[in-house]
Every structure is written in structure tokens, then in C-alpha cells.
Protein backbone atom coordinates (compact mmCIF):
# COMPACT_ATOMS: atom_id res chain seq x y z
CA UNK A 1 104.79 164.95 157.40
CA UNK A 2 104.89 162.23 160.06
CA UNK A 3 105.63 158.76 158.72
CA UNK A 4 102.80 156.27 159.16
CA UNK A 5 104.01 153.34 161.26
CA UNK A 6 100.70 151.73 162.19
CA UNK A 7 100.65 149.24 159.31
CA UNK A 8 103.35 146.71 158.46
CA UNK A 9 104.20 145.29 155.03
CA UNK A 10 101.56 142.56 155.41
CA UNK A 11 98.83 145.14 155.94
CA UNK A 12 99.98 147.11 152.91
CA UNK A 13 100.11 143.98 150.73
CA UNK A 14 96.59 143.07 151.83
CA UNK A 15 95.31 146.58 151.04
CA UNK A 16 96.89 146.42 147.58
CA UNK A 17 95.39 143.00 146.93
CA UNK A 18 91.95 144.12 148.07
CA UNK A 19 92.16 147.28 145.97
CA UNK A 20 92.91 145.16 142.88
CA UNK A 21 89.98 142.86 143.74
CA UNK A 22 87.60 145.83 144.00
CA UNK A 23 88.84 147.28 140.71
CA UNK A 24 88.39 143.97 138.89
CA UNK A 25 85.39 142.32 140.54
CA UNK A 26 83.26 145.10 142.01
CA UNK A 27 83.64 148.40 140.19
CA UNK A 28 82.57 147.11 136.74
CA UNK A 29 79.32 145.71 138.19
CA UNK A 30 78.42 148.42 140.69
CA UNK A 31 75.81 150.19 138.56
CA UNK A 32 74.00 146.95 137.72
CA UNK A 33 73.93 145.93 141.39
CA UNK A 34 72.56 149.32 142.37
CA UNK A 35 69.76 148.86 139.86
CA UNK A 36 68.92 145.31 140.92
CA UNK A 37 69.14 146.22 144.61
CA UNK A 38 71.68 143.61 145.71
CA UNK A 39 75.21 142.38 145.10
CA UNK A 40 75.46 139.07 143.24
CA UNK A 41 76.40 136.06 145.37
CA UNK A 42 79.28 135.24 143.01
CA UNK A 43 81.30 138.26 144.13
CA UNK A 44 80.81 137.33 147.78
CA UNK A 45 82.04 133.81 146.97
CA UNK A 46 85.09 135.27 145.19
CA UNK A 47 85.78 137.60 148.12
CA UNK A 48 85.66 134.65 150.50
CA UNK A 49 87.87 132.51 148.27
CA UNK A 50 90.43 135.33 148.24
CA UNK A 51 90.38 135.64 152.04
CA UNK A 52 88.61 139.00 152.21
CA UNK A 53 85.76 137.94 154.53
CA UNK A 54 85.81 137.27 158.29
CA UNK A 55 89.37 138.52 158.57
CA UNK A 56 89.59 138.84 162.34
CA UNK A 57 87.62 135.65 163.02
CA UNK A 58 89.88 132.93 164.42
CA UNK A 59 91.08 130.34 161.91
CA UNK A 60 89.47 127.60 164.01
CA UNK A 61 86.09 129.07 163.02
CA UNK A 62 86.89 129.60 159.34
CA UNK A 63 88.30 133.12 159.52
CA UNK A 64 91.73 134.41 158.61
CA UNK A 65 92.86 134.98 162.20
CA UNK A 66 94.15 138.43 161.22
CA UNK A 67 94.53 141.39 163.56
CA UNK A 68 91.92 144.15 163.70
CA UNK A 69 94.06 146.53 161.65
């Protein structure tokens, strides 16, 4: 198997952090959100507070300034 070299340790740490966020904040509520037809604003606020929104948007505009990967 060819080793994956596209992502660096920062990308992998971000993916792990996001995976934990989904497991804790999204998965337990998914069925209820499907029934109500929308995702509660609170989870969007938590995602933003944790830096998971607007990742590639420049920091000057409120984003994380991250690369597209």
C-alpha cells in the first residue's frame, strides 16, 4: 500500500478533533434533528467556537485561514 503523504500532522489532529466533536455533539441528536427538519443553532455555535466553520476563510474576515485540505 502506498503511504498517504497529502496530509500533515496538523490535518490529522484537526480530523481527530472534528471526529470527536461529531461523536459528542452531533450523533446523539441526529434523529431528533431529522424529525424536526433542522439542526439546532446551538450545535452551529459550538462548531464555530471550536473553529470548525469557515476554515479556509482568511483570518481577517473571521475564518481560520487554513488551507483547502
